[in-house]
PDB file of N, CA and C in Angstrom:
ATOM      1  N   MET A   1       0.851  -1.190   0.000  1.00  0.00           N
ATOM      2  CA  MET A   1       0.000   0.000   0.000  1.00  0.00           C
ATOM      3  C   MET A   1       0.889   1.243   0.000  1.00  0.00           C
ATOM      4  N   ILE A   2       0.483   2.213  -0.785  1.00  0.00           N
ATOM      5  CA  ILE A   2       1.184   3.480  -0.802  1.00  0.00           C
ATOM      6  C   ILE A   2       0.192   4.602  -0.506  1.00  0.00           C
ATOM      7  N   THR A   3       0.718   5.726  -0.050  1.00  0.00           N
ATOM      8  CA  THR A   3      -0.101   6.891   0.262  1.00  0.00           C
ATOM      9  C   THR A   3       0.303   8.036  -0.654  1.00  0.00           C
ATOM     10  N   GLU A   4      -0.683   8.678  -1.237  1.00  0.00           N
ATOM     11  CA  GLU A   4      -0.433   9.842  -2.085  1.00  0.00           C
ATOM     12  C   GLU A   4      -1.345  10.978  -1.659  1.00  0.00           C
ATOM     13  N   LYS A   5      -0.818  12.190  -1.725  1.00  0.00           N
ATOM     14  CA  LYS A   5      -1.634  13.384  -1.529  1.00  0.00           C
ATOM     15  C   LYS A   5      -1.842  13.993  -2.905  1.00  0.00           C
ATOM     16  N   ILE A   6      -3.095  14.112  -3.288  1.00  0.00           N
ATOM     17  CA  ILE A   6      -3.446  14.582  -4.627  1.00  0.00           C
ATOM     18  C   ILE A   6      -4.144  15.930  -4.509  1.00  0.00           C
ATOM     19  N   SER A   7      -3.594  16.951  -5.166  1.00  0.00           N
ATOM     20  CA  SER A   7      -4.203  18.285  -5.170  1.00  0.00           C
ATOM     21  C   SER A   7      -5.340  18.309  -6.177  1.00  0.00           C
ATOM     22  N   ILE A   8      -6.475  18.883  -5.745  1.00  0.00           N
ATOM     23  CA  ILE A   8      -7.675  18.893  -6.572  1.00  0.00           C
ATOM     24  C   ILE A   8      -8.206  20.317  -6.676  1.00  0.00           C
ATOM     25  N   ASP A   9      -8.394  20.773  -7.903  1.00  0.00           N
ATOM     26  CA  ASP A   9      -8.941  22.106  -8.145  1.00  0.00           C
ATOM     27  C   ASP A   9     -10.424  21.982  -8.491  1.00  0.00           C
ATOM     28  N   GLY A  10     -11.221  22.908  -8.006  1.00  0.00           N
ATOM     29  CA  GLY A  10     -12.631  22.952  -8.367  1.00  0.00           C
ATOM     30  C   GLY A  10     -13.586  22.543  -7.263  1.00  0.00           C
ATOM     31  N   MET A  11     -13.081  22.060  -6.142  1.00  0.00           N
ATOM     32  CA  MET A  11     -13.970  21.710  -5.033  1.00  0.00           C
ATOM     33  C   MET A  11     -14.367  22.987  -4.304  1.00  0.00           C
ATOM     34  N   ALA A  12     -15.685  23.164  -4.099  1.00  0.00           N
ATOM     35  CA  ALA A  12     -16.152  24.407  -3.503  1.00  0.00           C
ATOM     36  C   ALA A  12     -16.990  24.215  -2.243  1.00  0.00           C
ATOM     37  N   CYS A  13     -17.385  22.955  -1.959  1.00  0.00           N
ATOM     38  CA  CYS A  13     -18.270  22.741  -0.818  1.00  0.00           C
ATOM     39  C   CYS A  13     -18.098  21.320  -0.275  1.00  0.00           C
ATOM     40  N   ASN A  14     -18.785  21.046   0.825  1.00  0.00           N
ATOM     41  CA  ASN A  14     -18.693  19.718   1.426  1.00  0.00           C
ATOM     42  C   ASN A  14     -19.293  18.634   0.535  1.00  0.00           C
ATOM     43  N   HIS A  15     -20.266  19.000  -0.287  1.00  0.00           N
ATOM     44  CA  HIS A  15     -20.817  18.023  -1.234  1.00  0.00           C
ATOM     45  C   HIS A  15     -19.738  17.576  -2.222  1.00  0.00           C
ATOM     46  N   CYS A  16     -18.896  18.506  -2.628  1.00  0.00           N
ATOM     47  CA  CYS A  16     -17.784  18.176  -3.542  1.00  0.00           C
ATOM     48  C   CYS A  16     -16.845  17.154  -2.892  1.00  0.00           C
ATOM     49  N   THR A  17     -16.472  17.408  -1.653  1.00  0.00           N
ATOM     50  CA  THR A  17     -15.553  16.487  -0.982  1.00  0.00           C
ATOM     51  C   THR A  17     -16.210  15.130  -0.763  1.00  0.00           C
ATOM     52  N   SER A  18     -17.494  15.116  -0.471  1.00  0.00           N
ATOM     53  CA  SER A  18     -18.212  13.856  -0.292  1.00  0.00           C
ATOM     54  C   SER A  18     -18.255  13.063  -1.595  1.00  0.00           C
ATOM     55  N   SER A  19     -18.462  13.750  -2.699  1.00  0.00           N
ATOM     56  CA  SER A  19     -18.504  13.084  -4.004  1.00  0.00           C
ATOM     57  C   SER A  19     -17.171  12.438  -4.337  1.00  0.00           C
ATOM     58  N   VAL A  20     -16.094  13.174  -4.116  1.00  0.00           N
ATOM     59  CA  VAL A  20     -14.753  12.648  -4.393  1.00  0.00           C
ATOM     60  C   VAL A  20     -14.464  11.466  -3.477  1.00  0.00           C
ATOM     61  N   SER A  21     -14.768  11.616  -2.210  1.00  0.00           N
ATOM     62  CA  SER A  21     -14.513  10.554  -1.238  1.00  0.00           C
ATOM     63  C   SER A  21     -15.281   9.282  -1.590  1.00  0.00           C
ATOM     64  N   ALA A  22     -16.551   9.415  -1.925  1.00  0.00           N
ATOM     65  CA  ALA A  22     -17.378   8.255  -2.257  1.00  0.00           C
ATOM     66  C   ALA A  22     -16.890   7.558  -3.520  1.00  0.00           C
ATOM     67  N   ALA A  23     -16.548   8.346  -4.531  1.00  0.00           N
ATOM     68  CA  ALA A  23     -16.096   7.763  -5.799  1.00  0.00           C
ATOM     69  C   ALA A  23     -14.775   7.023  -5.627  1.00  0.00           C
ATOM     70  N   LEU A  24     -13.855   7.612  -4.871  1.00  0.00           N
ATOM     71  CA  LEU A  24     -12.563   6.960  -4.668  1.00  0.00           C
ATOM     72  C   LEU A  24     -12.690   5.739  -3.762  1.00  0.00           C
ATOM     73  N   SER A  25     -13.517   5.838  -2.741  1.00  0.00           N
ATOM     74  CA  SER A  25     -13.707   4.718  -1.822  1.00  0.00           C
ATOM     75  C   SER A  25     -14.294   3.492  -2.515  1.00  0.00           C
ATOM     76  N   ALA A  26     -15.030   3.721  -3.590  1.00  0.00           N
ATOM     77  CA  ALA A  26     -15.663   2.620  -4.321  1.00  0.00           C
ATOM     78  C   ALA A  26     -14.686   1.850  -5.209  1.00  0.00           C
ATOM     79  N   LEU A  27     -13.490   2.401  -5.415  1.00  0.00           N
ATOM     80  CA  LEU A  27     -12.515   1.743  -6.284  1.00  0.00           C
ATOM     81  C   LEU A  27     -11.894   0.533  -5.603  1.00  0.00           C
ATOM     82  N   ASN A  28     -11.710  -0.520  -6.375  1.00  0.00           N
ATOM     83  CA  ASN A  28     -11.033  -1.717  -5.882  1.00  0.00           C
ATOM     84  C   ASN A  28      -9.556  -1.385  -5.651  1.00  0.00           C
ATOM     85  N   GLY A  29      -9.043  -1.670  -4.471  1.00  0.00           N
ATOM     86  CA  GLY A  29      -7.647  -1.403  -4.157  1.00  0.00           C
ATOM     87  C   GLY A  29      -7.436  -0.224  -3.224  1.00  0.00           C
ATOM     88  N   ILE A  30      -8.507   0.523  -2.939  1.00  0.00           N
ATOM     89  CA  ILE A  30      -8.405   1.666  -2.029  1.00  0.00           C
ATOM     90  C   ILE A  30      -8.401   1.168  -0.586  1.00  0.00           C
ATOM     91  N   GLY A  31      -7.444   1.652   0.196  1.00  0.00           N
ATOM     92  CA  GLY A  31      -7.391   1.309   1.608  1.00  0.00           C
ATOM     93  C   GLY A  31      -8.030   2.380   2.472  1.00  0.00           C
ATOM     94  N   ASP A  32      -7.774   3.656   2.121  1.00  0.00           N
ATOM     95  CA  ASP A  32      -8.311   4.769   2.903  1.00  0.00           C
ATOM     96  C   ASP A  32      -8.320   6.021   2.040  1.00  0.00           C
ATOM     97  N   VAL A  33      -9.309   6.875   2.265  1.00  0.00           N
ATOM     98  CA  VAL A  33      -9.423   8.143   1.552  1.00  0.00           C
ATOM     99  C   VAL A  33      -9.802   9.221   2.548  1.00  0.00           C
ATOM    100  N   SER A  34      -9.113  10.350   2.481  1.00  0.00           N
ATOM    101  CA  SER A  34      -9.459  11.513   3.280  1.00  0.00           C
ATOM    102  C   SER A  34      -9.388  12.732   2.370  1.00  0.00           C
ATOM    103  N   VAL A  35     -10.523  13.413   2.198  1.00  0.00           N
ATOM    104  CA  VAL A  35     -10.591  14.565   1.298  1.00  0.00           C
ATOM    105  C   VAL A  35     -10.765  15.831   2.123  1.00  0.00           C
ATOM    106  N   SER A  36      -9.947  16.842   1.839  1.00  0.00           N
ATOM    107  CA  SER A  36      -9.984  18.099   2.581  1.00  0.00           C
ATOM    108  C   SER A  36     -10.360  19.256   1.664  1.00  0.00           C
ATOM    109  N   LEU A  37     -11.468  19.929   1.996  1.00  0.00           N
ATOM    110  CA  LEU A  37     -11.870  21.115   1.246  1.00  0.00           C
ATOM    111  C   LEU A  37     -10.889  22.255   1.485  1.00  0.00           C
ATOM    112  N   GLU A  38     -10.451  22.413   2.737  1.00  0.00           N
ATOM    113  CA  GLU A  38      -9.541  23.498   3.087  1.00  0.00           C
ATOM    114  C   GLU A  38      -8.203  23.384   2.339  1.00  0.00           C
ATOM    115  N   GLU A  39      -7.688  22.166   2.256  1.00  0.00           N
ATOM    116  CA  GLU A  39      -6.402  21.950   1.574  1.00  0.00           C
ATOM    117  C   GLU A  39      -6.576  21.675   0.084  1.00  0.00           C
ATOM    118  N   LYS A  40      -7.835  21.525  -0.339  1.00  0.00           N
ATOM    119  CA  LYS A  40      -8.150  21.197  -1.729  1.00  0.00           C
ATOM    120  C   LYS A  40      -7.332  19.997  -2.198  1.00  0.00           C
ATOM    121  N   SER A  41      -7.429  18.917  -1.405  1.00  0.00           N
ATOM    122  CA  SER A  41      -6.638  17.726  -1.715  1.00  0.00           C
ATOM    123  C   SER A  41      -7.306  16.469  -1.175  1.00  0.00           C
ATOM    124  N   ALA A  42      -6.775  15.352  -1.650  1.00  0.00           N
ATOM    125  CA  ALA A  42      -7.206  14.050  -1.151  1.00  0.00           C
ATOM    126  C   ALA A  42      -5.960  13.264  -0.775  1.00  0.00           C
ATOM    127  N   SER A  43      -6.001  12.644   0.375  1.00  0.00           N
ATOM    128  CA  SER A  43      -4.958  11.717   0.791  1.00  0.00           C
ATOM    129  C   SER A  43      -5.524  10.323   0.532  1.00  0.00           C
ATOM    130  N   VAL A  44      -4.814   9.563  -0.305  1.00  0.00           N
ATOM    131  CA  VAL A  44      -5.326   8.273  -0.748  1.00  0.00           C
ATOM    132  C   VAL A  44      -4.307   7.179  -0.445  1.00  0.00           C
ATOM    133  N   VAL A  45      -4.763   6.137   0.250  1.00  0.00           N
ATOM    134  CA  VAL A  45      -3.939   4.951   0.496  1.00  0.00           C
ATOM    135  C   VAL A  45      -4.486   3.858  -0.407  1.00  0.00           C
ATOM    136  N   TYR A  46      -3.608   3.308  -1.255  1.00  0.00           N
ATOM    137  CA  TYR A  46      -4.089   2.296  -2.190  1.00  0.00           C
ATOM    138  C   TYR A  46      -3.027   1.251  -2.495  1.00  0.00           C
ATOM    139  N   ASP A  47      -3.502   0.113  -2.997  1.00  0.00           N
ATOM    140  CA  ASP A  47      -2.640  -1.000  -3.380  1.00  0.00           C
ATOM    141  C   ASP A  47      -2.178  -0.762  -4.811  1.00  0.00           C
ATOM    142  N   GLU A  48      -0.901  -0.457  -4.982  1.00  0.00           N
ATOM    143  CA  GLU A  48      -0.367  -0.136  -6.300  1.00  0.00           C
ATOM    144  C   GLU A  48      -0.358  -1.339  -7.247  1.00  0.00           C
ATOM    145  N   ASN A  49      -0.587  -2.533  -6.721  1.00  0.00           N
ATOM    146  CA  ASN A  49      -0.691  -3.722  -7.568  1.00  0.00           C
ATOM    147  C   ASN A  49      -2.097  -3.901  -8.135  1.00  0.00           C
ATOM    148  N   THR A  50      -3.056  -3.180  -7.563  1.00  0.00           N
ATOM    149  CA  THR A  50      -4.455  -3.283  -7.983  1.00  0.00           C
ATOM    150  C   THR A  50      -4.935  -2.034  -8.703  1.00  0.00           C
ATOM    151  N   LEU A  51      -4.399  -0.894  -8.317  1.00  0.00           N
ATOM    152  CA  LEU A  51      -4.895   0.397  -8.774  1.00  0.00           C
ATOM    153  C   LEU A  51      -3.723   1.293  -9.151  1.00  0.00           C
ATOM    154  N   THR A  52      -3.895   2.104 -10.199  1.00  0.00           N
ATOM    155  CA  THR A  52      -2.835   3.020 -10.612  1.00  0.00           C
ATOM    156  C   THR A  52      -3.181   4.458 -10.219  1.00  0.00           C
ATOM    157  N   HIS A  53      -2.159   5.266 -10.139  1.00  0.00           N
ATOM    158  CA  HIS A  53      -2.337   6.701  -9.889  1.00  0.00           C
ATOM    159  C   HIS A  53      -3.247   7.293 -10.966  1.00  0.00           C
ATOM    160  N   GLN A  54      -3.017   6.908 -12.216  1.00  0.00           N
ATOM    161  CA  GLN A  54      -3.790   7.462 -13.327  1.00  0.00           C
ATOM    162  C   GLN A  54      -5.270   7.110 -13.211  1.00  0.00           C
ATOM    163  N   ALA A  55      -5.591   5.922 -12.728  1.00  0.00           N
ATOM    164  CA  ALA A  55      -6.993   5.532 -12.545  1.00  0.00           C
ATOM    165  C   ALA A  55      -7.668   6.430 -11.513  1.00  0.00           C
ATOM    166  N   ILE A  56      -6.937   6.766 -10.464  1.00  0.00           N
ATOM    167  CA  ILE A  56      -7.460   7.669  -9.432  1.00  0.00           C
ATOM    168  C   ILE A  56      -7.693   9.055 -10.021  1.00  0.00           C
ATOM    169  N   VAL A  57      -6.720   9.550 -10.770  1.00  0.00           N
ATOM    170  CA  VAL A  57      -6.835  10.853 -11.427  1.00  0.00           C
ATOM    171  C   VAL A  57      -8.038  10.867 -12.368  1.00  0.00           C
ATOM    172  N   ASP A  58      -8.209   9.799 -13.132  1.00  0.00           N
ATOM    173  CA  ASP A  58      -9.320   9.726 -14.077  1.00  0.00           C
ATOM    174  C   ASP A  58     -10.672   9.820 -13.375  1.00  0.00           C
ATOM    175  N   VAL A  59     -10.812   9.158 -12.233  1.00  0.00           N
ATOM    176  CA  VAL A  59     -12.071   9.211 -11.479  1.00  0.00           C
ATOM    177  C   VAL A  59     -12.349  10.633 -11.009  1.00  0.00           C
ATOM    178  N   ILE A  60     -11.343  11.300 -10.491  1.00  0.00           N
ATOM    179  CA  ILE A  60     -11.513  12.683 -10.015  1.00  0.00           C
ATOM    180  C   ILE A  60     -11.883  13.597 -11.181  1.00  0.00           C
ATOM    181  N   ASN A  61     -11.179  13.460 -12.296  1.00  0.00           N
ATOM    182  CA  ASN A  61     -11.474  14.286 -13.474  1.00  0.00           C
ATOM    183  C   ASN A  61     -12.867  14.006 -14.018  1.00  0.00           C
ATOM    184  N   ASP A  62     -13.300  12.737 -13.997  1.00  0.00           N
ATOM    185  CA  ASP A  62     -14.632  12.373 -14.474  1.00  0.00           C
ATOM    186  C   ASP A  62     -15.739  13.009 -13.637  1.00  0.00           C
ATOM    187  N   LEU A  63     -15.433  13.334 -12.387  1.00  0.00           N
ATOM    188  CA  LEU A  63     -16.398  14.013 -11.520  1.00  0.00           C
ATOM    189  C   LEU A  63     -16.519  15.494 -11.831  1.00  0.00           C
ATOM    190  N   GLY A  64     -15.621  16.008 -12.686  1.00  0.00           N
ATOM    191  CA  GLY A  64     -15.670  17.414 -13.061  1.00  0.00           C
ATOM    192  C   GLY A  64     -14.654  18.278 -12.343  1.00  0.00           C
ATOM    193  N   PHE A  65     -13.772  17.648 -11.574  1.00  0.00           N
ATOM    194  CA  PHE A  65     -12.713  18.383 -10.887  1.00  0.00           C
ATOM    195  C   PHE A  65     -11.408  18.215 -11.664  1.00  0.00           C
ATOM    196  N   THR A  66     -10.391  18.967 -11.297  1.00  0.00           N
ATOM    197  CA  THR A  66      -9.111  18.906 -11.985  1.00  0.00           C
ATOM    198  C   THR A  66      -8.012  18.543 -11.015  1.00  0.00           C
ATOM    199  N   VAL A  67      -7.275  17.487 -11.325  1.00  0.00           N
ATOM    200  CA  VAL A  67      -6.118  17.117 -10.522  1.00  0.00           C
ATOM    201  C   VAL A  67      -4.963  18.008 -10.927  1.00  0.00           C
ATOM    202  N   VAL A  68      -4.327  18.620  -9.936  1.00  0.00           N
ATOM    203  CA  VAL A  68      -3.191  19.499 -10.178  1.00  0.00           C
ATOM    204  C   VAL A  68      -1.929  18.679  -9.942  1.00  0.00           C
ATOM    205  N   GLU A  69      -1.216  18.392 -11.026  1.00  0.00           N
ATOM    206  CA  GLU A  69       0.001  17.560 -10.937  1.00  0.00           C
ATOM    207  C   GLU A  69       1.209  18.426 -10.647  1.00  0.00           C
TER     208      GLU A  69
END
């Protein structure tokens, strides 16, 4: 398992953070997700043998937010 902090642009409210958290938590290979509106980021613990960084980015982007690399 690895931990990544991913910066996310476009989150404006608690509903936004809930949407990101729910979508990421539903992915196979996710161990833990913590999304912060104040920091505009998500801390994600995941199994790198099951899930890729790009798959996580794609889910966030599909929700209408932008991952800041």
